[in-house]
N, C-alpha and C. Protein backbone atom coordinates (compact mmCIF):
# COMPACT_ATOMS: atom_id res chain seq x y z
N MET A 1 0.84 -1.18 0.00
CA MET A 1 0.00 0.00 0.00
C MET A 1 0.88 1.25 0.00
N TYR A 2 0.52 2.20 -0.82
CA TYR A 2 1.28 3.43 -0.95
C TYR A 2 0.75 4.49 0.01
N PRO A 3 1.63 5.40 0.44
CA PRO A 3 1.16 6.46 1.34
C PRO A 3 0.21 7.42 0.65
N ALA A 4 -0.72 7.95 1.41
CA ALA A 4 -1.69 8.91 0.90
C ALA A 4 -1.02 10.25 0.61
N VAL A 5 -1.55 10.96 -0.36
CA VAL A 5 -1.12 12.32 -0.65
C VAL A 5 -1.76 13.23 0.40
N VAL A 6 -0.95 14.11 1.00
CA VAL A 6 -1.49 15.03 2.01
C VAL A 6 -1.39 16.49 1.58
N HIS A 7 -0.58 16.78 0.55
CA HIS A 7 -0.48 18.15 0.06
C HIS A 7 0.04 18.12 -1.37
N VAL A 8 -0.44 19.05 -2.19
CA VAL A 8 0.04 19.17 -3.57
C VAL A 8 0.11 20.64 -3.94
N SER A 9 1.17 21.00 -4.67
CA SER A 9 1.34 22.37 -5.16
C SER A 9 1.74 22.32 -6.63
N PRO A 10 1.07 23.10 -7.48
CA PRO A 10 1.52 23.18 -8.87
C PRO A 10 2.78 24.02 -8.96
N LEU A 11 3.71 23.60 -9.80
CA LEU A 11 4.96 24.31 -10.04
C LEU A 11 5.00 24.72 -11.51
N SER A 12 6.04 25.40 -11.90
CA SER A 12 6.19 25.77 -13.30
C SER A 12 6.50 24.54 -14.16
N ASP A 13 6.36 24.69 -15.44
CA ASP A 13 6.70 23.66 -16.42
C ASP A 13 5.94 22.35 -16.18
N PHE A 14 4.68 22.45 -15.74
CA PHE A 14 3.81 21.30 -15.54
C PHE A 14 4.37 20.27 -14.55
N GLN A 15 4.99 20.78 -13.52
CA GLN A 15 5.50 19.95 -12.43
C GLN A 15 4.58 20.11 -11.23
N LEU A 16 4.56 19.10 -10.38
CA LEU A 16 3.81 19.14 -9.13
C LEU A 16 4.74 18.79 -7.98
N ARG A 17 4.56 19.45 -6.85
CA ARG A 17 5.24 19.05 -5.62
C ARG A 17 4.18 18.32 -4.79
N VAL A 18 4.48 17.05 -4.49
CA VAL A 18 3.50 16.19 -3.82
C VAL A 18 4.09 15.72 -2.49
N SER A 19 3.35 15.97 -1.40
CA SER A 19 3.76 15.50 -0.07
C SER A 19 2.90 14.30 0.31
N PHE A 20 3.55 13.30 0.88
CA PHE A 20 2.88 12.05 1.25
C PHE A 20 2.80 11.90 2.76
N ALA A 21 1.88 11.05 3.20
CA ALA A 21 1.64 10.84 4.63
C ALA A 21 2.86 10.30 5.37
N ASN A 22 3.78 9.67 4.66
CA ASN A 22 4.98 9.13 5.30
C ASN A 22 6.09 10.18 5.45
N GLY A 23 5.80 11.43 5.07
CA GLY A 23 6.76 12.51 5.21
C GLY A 23 7.59 12.78 3.97
N GLU A 24 7.52 11.92 2.96
CA GLU A 24 8.29 12.14 1.74
C GLU A 24 7.65 13.23 0.89
N VAL A 25 8.49 13.97 0.19
CA VAL A 25 8.05 14.99 -0.75
C VAL A 25 8.69 14.67 -2.09
N LYS A 26 7.87 14.63 -3.13
CA LYS A 26 8.37 14.28 -4.46
C LYS A 26 7.90 15.30 -5.48
N LYS A 27 8.72 15.49 -6.50
CA LYS A 27 8.35 16.32 -7.64
C LYS A 27 7.89 15.37 -8.75
N PHE A 28 6.70 15.65 -9.29
CA PHE A 28 6.13 14.79 -10.32
C PHE A 28 5.94 15.60 -11.59
N ASP A 29 6.45 15.07 -12.70
CA ASP A 29 6.38 15.73 -14.01
C ASP A 29 5.12 15.26 -14.74
N MET A 30 4.22 16.19 -15.00
CA MET A 30 2.98 15.86 -15.71
C MET A 30 3.11 15.90 -17.22
N LYS A 31 4.22 16.43 -17.76
CA LYS A 31 4.35 16.60 -19.21
C LYS A 31 4.08 15.32 -20.01
N PRO A 32 4.54 14.14 -19.57
CA PRO A 32 4.26 12.93 -20.36
C PRO A 32 2.78 12.58 -20.48
N TYR A 33 1.94 13.13 -19.63
CA TYR A 33 0.52 12.81 -19.61
C TYR A 33 -0.34 13.82 -20.38
N LEU A 34 0.23 14.96 -20.76
CA LEU A 34 -0.56 16.07 -21.28
C LEU A 34 -1.14 15.86 -22.67
N ASN A 35 -0.82 14.77 -23.33
CA ASN A 35 -1.40 14.47 -24.64
C ASN A 35 -2.30 13.24 -24.58
N ILE A 36 -2.74 12.89 -23.36
CA ILE A 36 -3.56 11.70 -23.16
C ILE A 36 -4.93 12.11 -22.62
N GLY A 37 -5.97 11.78 -23.34
CA GLY A 37 -7.35 11.93 -22.87
C GLY A 37 -7.65 13.23 -22.14
N ILE A 38 -8.25 13.10 -20.97
CA ILE A 38 -8.70 14.24 -20.19
C ILE A 38 -7.54 15.13 -19.72
N PHE A 39 -6.33 14.57 -19.67
CA PHE A 39 -5.17 15.35 -19.24
C PHE A 39 -4.80 16.44 -20.24
N LYS A 40 -5.29 16.34 -21.48
CA LYS A 40 -5.02 17.38 -22.48
C LYS A 40 -5.51 18.75 -22.00
N GLU A 41 -6.58 18.76 -21.21
CA GLU A 41 -7.13 20.01 -20.70
C GLU A 41 -6.18 20.72 -19.73
N LEU A 42 -5.21 19.99 -19.21
CA LEU A 42 -4.28 20.57 -18.25
C LEU A 42 -3.25 21.49 -18.91
N HIS A 43 -3.24 21.54 -20.24
CA HIS A 43 -2.40 22.52 -20.95
C HIS A 43 -2.81 23.94 -20.59
N GLN A 44 -4.07 24.12 -20.21
CA GLN A 44 -4.56 25.43 -19.79
C GLN A 44 -4.05 25.69 -18.37
N LYS A 45 -3.35 26.79 -18.20
CA LYS A 45 -2.72 27.10 -16.92
C LYS A 45 -3.72 27.07 -15.76
N GLU A 46 -4.88 27.68 -15.97
CA GLU A 46 -5.88 27.73 -14.90
C GLU A 46 -6.32 26.32 -14.49
N MET A 47 -6.48 25.45 -15.47
CA MET A 47 -6.90 24.08 -15.17
C MET A 47 -5.78 23.34 -14.44
N PHE A 48 -4.55 23.47 -14.91
CA PHE A 48 -3.43 22.79 -14.26
C PHE A 48 -3.32 23.24 -12.80
N GLU A 49 -3.49 24.52 -12.56
CA GLU A 49 -3.34 25.07 -11.22
C GLU A 49 -4.54 24.78 -10.31
N SER A 50 -5.58 24.15 -10.85
CA SER A 50 -6.74 23.80 -10.03
C SER A 50 -6.52 22.50 -9.25
N VAL A 51 -5.33 21.94 -9.32
CA VAL A 51 -5.03 20.67 -8.64
C VAL A 51 -5.32 20.79 -7.14
N ARG A 52 -5.87 19.69 -6.60
CA ARG A 52 -6.23 19.66 -5.19
C ARG A 52 -6.17 18.22 -4.68
N ILE A 53 -6.24 18.07 -3.37
CA ILE A 53 -6.31 16.74 -2.76
C ILE A 53 -7.73 16.19 -2.97
N SER A 54 -7.80 14.93 -3.32
CA SER A 54 -9.08 14.24 -3.44
C SER A 54 -8.90 12.84 -2.85
N PHE A 55 -9.51 12.63 -1.69
CA PHE A 55 -9.34 11.39 -0.94
C PHE A 55 -7.85 11.22 -0.64
N ASP A 56 -7.19 10.18 -1.16
CA ASP A 56 -5.77 9.97 -0.84
C ASP A 56 -4.85 10.29 -2.02
N THR A 57 -5.37 11.01 -3.02
CA THR A 57 -4.57 11.35 -4.19
C THR A 57 -4.89 12.79 -4.60
N ILE A 58 -4.69 13.12 -5.89
CA ILE A 58 -4.95 14.46 -6.39
C ILE A 58 -5.95 14.42 -7.53
N ALA A 59 -6.60 15.56 -7.76
CA ALA A 59 -7.55 15.69 -8.87
C ALA A 59 -7.57 17.15 -9.30
N TRP A 60 -8.12 17.37 -10.49
CA TRP A 60 -8.26 18.71 -11.03
C TRP A 60 -9.73 19.05 -11.19
N ALA A 61 -10.01 20.30 -11.51
CA ALA A 61 -11.38 20.78 -11.66
C ALA A 61 -12.14 20.05 -12.77
N ASN A 62 -11.44 19.46 -13.73
CA ASN A 62 -12.09 18.72 -14.81
C ASN A 62 -12.31 17.25 -14.46
N ASP A 63 -12.09 16.89 -13.20
CA ASP A 63 -12.24 15.53 -12.67
C ASP A 63 -11.15 14.56 -13.09
N ALA A 64 -10.09 15.04 -13.71
CA ALA A 64 -8.93 14.19 -13.97
C ALA A 64 -8.28 13.87 -12.64
N ASP A 65 -7.77 12.65 -12.49
CA ASP A 65 -7.04 12.29 -11.29
C ASP A 65 -5.96 11.27 -11.63
N ILE A 66 -5.06 11.05 -10.68
CA ILE A 66 -3.96 10.10 -10.88
C ILE A 66 -3.86 9.25 -9.62
N ASP A 67 -3.60 7.97 -9.80
CA ASP A 67 -3.43 7.08 -8.66
C ASP A 67 -2.24 7.53 -7.81
N PRO A 68 -2.36 7.41 -6.49
CA PRO A 68 -1.23 7.79 -5.64
C PRO A 68 0.00 6.92 -5.90
N GLU A 69 -0.20 5.69 -6.36
CA GLU A 69 0.92 4.81 -6.69
C GLU A 69 1.77 5.40 -7.81
N THR A 70 1.09 5.96 -8.82
CA THR A 70 1.78 6.58 -9.95
C THR A 70 2.58 7.78 -9.49
N LEU A 71 1.98 8.60 -8.65
CA LEU A 71 2.68 9.78 -8.13
C LEU A 71 3.89 9.38 -7.30
N TYR A 72 3.72 8.38 -6.46
CA TYR A 72 4.79 7.96 -5.56
C TYR A 72 5.94 7.29 -6.32
N GLU A 73 5.60 6.35 -7.19
CA GLU A 73 6.64 5.63 -7.94
C GLU A 73 7.31 6.51 -8.99
N GLY A 74 6.55 7.41 -9.62
CA GLY A 74 7.08 8.22 -10.71
C GLY A 74 7.66 9.54 -10.28
N GLY A 75 7.50 9.88 -9.00
CA GLY A 75 8.01 11.15 -8.51
C GLY A 75 9.48 11.09 -8.18
N GLU A 76 10.12 12.24 -8.28
CA GLU A 76 11.53 12.37 -7.93
C GLU A 76 11.61 12.94 -6.52
N THR A 77 12.27 12.22 -5.63
CA THR A 77 12.37 12.64 -4.23
C THR A 77 13.07 13.98 -4.13
N GLU A 78 12.46 14.87 -3.35
CA GLU A 78 13.05 16.19 -3.11
C GLU A 78 13.70 16.21 -1.74
N LEU A 79 14.86 16.77 -1.67
CA LEU A 79 15.53 16.94 -0.38
C LEU A 79 15.21 18.32 0.11
N LEU A 80 14.58 18.39 1.26
CA LEU A 80 14.19 19.70 1.82
C LEU A 80 15.21 20.17 2.82
């Protein structure tokens, strides 16, 4: 089981800073997803920046979401 997402912040260049319940913070690159289905709408800055916590992961105003496993495994650990 993967840790739940507890905080998310949009960054420049379609990056996200994602904090997990286990204390880890990772940077996740959304660029590889931006040409797939509902994620295409995230090219709009306002839509990308609408990211929020939804249950134990993240979602956007257009109802796009990503599994916490994808965020955790695909994120690059940030040293704070």
